[in-house]
Amino acid sequence: MIGYTCLGTNQLDKAVAFYGELLGLLGAQPFFKSERGVGWGISPDQPMFSVMKPFDGQAASVGNGTMVALAAKNPEQVQALHAKALALGGQDEGAPGPRGTGFYGAYFRDLDGNKLAAFCMVKA
């Protein structure tokens, strides 16, 4: 159902470096690059993740209540994504751990303040 996600950035070069390393942990690679942004994916038939300078030329802002969740294979990958995000200058929004029955997740903000989660489903 989801084709792609897009988060706005005011620091395109820094955002591309941040997400290039972070999404590399999931095996993602750039699928498109333009002067306004970059989009990463695993394969052409799966959803893509992108960061872009806003089309209207105005400053990017963080959406209140907006969050993008990155699907991980296991709790160890959730932990690695969270640790990498923090090492790259991201901000902690919730350490890795179980969140309810069968859900394992971690939360962080990117360099522009966008909120993301890394999660996997585990046997209860």
Protein backbone atom coordinates (compact mmCIF):
# COMPACT_ATOMS: atom_id res chain seq x y z
CA MET A 1 0.00 0.00 0.00
CA ILE A 2 2.84 2.47 0.72
CA GLY A 3 4.75 3.48 -2.41
CA TYR A 4 7.30 5.80 -0.82
CA THR A 5 7.85 8.18 2.08
CA CYS A 6 9.43 11.59 1.93
CA LEU A 7 10.85 13.70 4.75
CA GLY A 8 11.82 17.32 4.29
CA THR A 9 15.32 18.56 4.99
CA ASN A 10 17.03 21.92 5.31
CA GLN A 11 20.48 20.30 5.20
CA LEU A 12 20.43 18.05 2.13
CA ASP A 13 24.12 17.06 2.16
CA LYS A 14 24.00 16.16 5.86
CA ALA A 15 20.68 14.32 5.46
CA VAL A 16 22.03 12.30 2.52
CA ALA A 17 25.12 11.30 4.53
CA PHE A 18 22.96 10.41 7.60
CA TYR A 19 20.46 8.30 5.68
CA GLY A 20 23.05 6.79 3.34
CA GLU A 21 24.81 5.20 6.31
CA LEU A 22 21.66 4.43 8.29
CA LEU A 23 19.68 2.84 5.47
CA GLY A 24 22.78 0.97 4.30
CA LEU A 25 22.29 -1.20 7.42
CA LEU A 26 19.04 -2.38 5.81
CA GLY A 27 20.66 -3.05 2.44
CA ALA A 28 19.10 0.03 0.83
CA GLN A 29 20.82 1.91 -1.95
CA PRO A 30 20.03 5.16 -3.75
CA PHE A 31 17.38 4.68 -6.45
CA PHE A 32 17.26 8.30 -7.53
CA LYS A 33 19.22 11.49 -6.97
CA SER A 34 18.31 15.03 -7.92
CA GLU A 35 19.31 18.53 -6.90
CA ARG A 36 16.41 18.48 -4.42
CA GLY A 37 16.85 15.05 -2.84
CA VAL A 38 17.70 11.37 -2.78
CA GLY A 39 15.53 8.25 -2.52
CA TRP A 40 16.71 4.86 -1.26
CA GLY A 41 15.22 1.42 -1.67
CA ILE A 42 15.80 -2.30 -1.39
CA SER A 43 14.18 -3.17 -4.72
CA PRO A 44 11.98 -1.40 -7.28
CA ASP A 45 8.90 -3.31 -6.13
CA GLN A 46 9.19 -2.25 -2.47
CA PRO A 47 8.51 1.14 -0.87
CA MET A 48 11.20 3.79 -1.17
CA PHE A 49 12.41 6.28 1.46
CA SER A 50 13.46 9.77 0.41
CA VAL A 51 14.66 13.08 1.82
CA MET A 52 13.99 16.22 -0.16
CA LYS A 53 14.21 19.98 -0.01
CA PRO A 54 10.59 21.17 -0.05
CA PHE A 55 9.21 21.80 -3.54
CA ASP A 56 7.80 25.21 -2.58
CA GLY A 57 11.25 26.53 -1.62
CA GLN A 58 10.18 27.20 1.96
CA ALA A 59 11.98 25.76 4.99
CA ALA A 60 11.26 22.13 5.86
CA SER A 61 9.46 21.63 9.16
CA VAL A 62 8.71 18.64 11.36
CA GLY A 63 5.15 17.33 11.33
CA ASN A 64 3.61 17.03 14.79
CA GLY A 65 2.55 13.41 15.13
CA THR A 66 4.37 12.36 11.94
CA MET A 67 6.70 9.35 12.11
CA VAL A 68 8.24 6.96 9.60
CA ALA A 69 8.92 3.39 10.74
CA LEU A 70 11.79 1.36 9.28
CA ALA A 71 11.18 -2.41 9.21
CA ALA A 72 14.08 -4.41 10.65
CA LYS A 73 14.70 -8.16 10.44
CA ASN A 74 15.26 -8.74 14.16
CA PRO A 75 15.90 -6.98 17.49
CA GLU A 76 19.63 -6.84 16.79
CA GLN A 77 19.01 -4.86 13.62
CA VAL A 78 16.66 -2.52 15.52
CA GLN A 79 19.46 -1.95 18.04
CA ALA A 80 22.01 -1.36 15.27
CA LEU A 81 19.78 1.18 13.50
CA HIS A 82 19.13 3.07 16.73
CA ALA A 83 22.83 3.09 17.66
CA LYS A 84 23.86 4.21 14.15
CA ALA A 85 21.30 7.03 14.15
CA LEU A 86 22.65 8.34 17.47
CA ALA A 87 26.28 7.94 16.32
CA LEU A 88 25.44 10.02 13.23
CA GLY A 89 24.07 12.86 15.37
CA GLY A 90 20.44 11.78 15.70
CA GLN A 91 18.50 12.29 18.92
CA ASP A 92 17.20 9.46 21.11
CA GLU A 93 13.40 9.27 21.41
CA GLY A 94 13.18 5.80 23.01
CA ALA A 95 15.78 3.09 23.53
CA PRO A 96 15.38 -0.31 21.85
CA GLY A 97 13.09 -2.71 23.67
CA PRO A 98 9.78 -4.54 23.69
CA ARG A 99 6.70 -2.37 23.27
CA GLY A 100 3.67 -4.53 23.89
CA THR A 101 3.09 -8.06 22.74
CA GLY A 102 5.25 -9.12 19.82
CA PHE A 103 6.57 -5.63 18.95
CA TYR A 104 10.21 -4.61 19.43
CA GLY A 105 11.12 -1.03 18.60
CA ALA A 106 13.35 2.00 19.05
CA TYR A 107 12.74 5.67 18.30
CA PHE A 108 14.98 8.55 17.20
CA ARG A 109 15.01 11.89 15.40
CA ASP A 110 17.15 12.70 12.39
CA LEU A 111 19.29 15.83 11.97
CA ASP A 112 16.24 17.90 10.94
CA GLY A 113 14.13 16.68 13.89
CA ASN A 114 11.99 14.20 11.92
CA LYS A 115 10.88 11.28 14.09
CA LEU A 116 11.60 7.72 13.00
CA ALA A 117 11.20 4.27 14.47
CA ALA A 118 13.00 1.03 13.79
CA PHE A 119 10.92 -2.04 14.59
CA CYS A 120 10.44 -5.77 14.12
CA MET A 121 7.80 -8.23 15.12
CA VAL A 122 8.91 -10.99 17.50
CA LYS A 123 7.26 -14.13 18.79
CA ALA A 124 5.45 -13.41 22.02
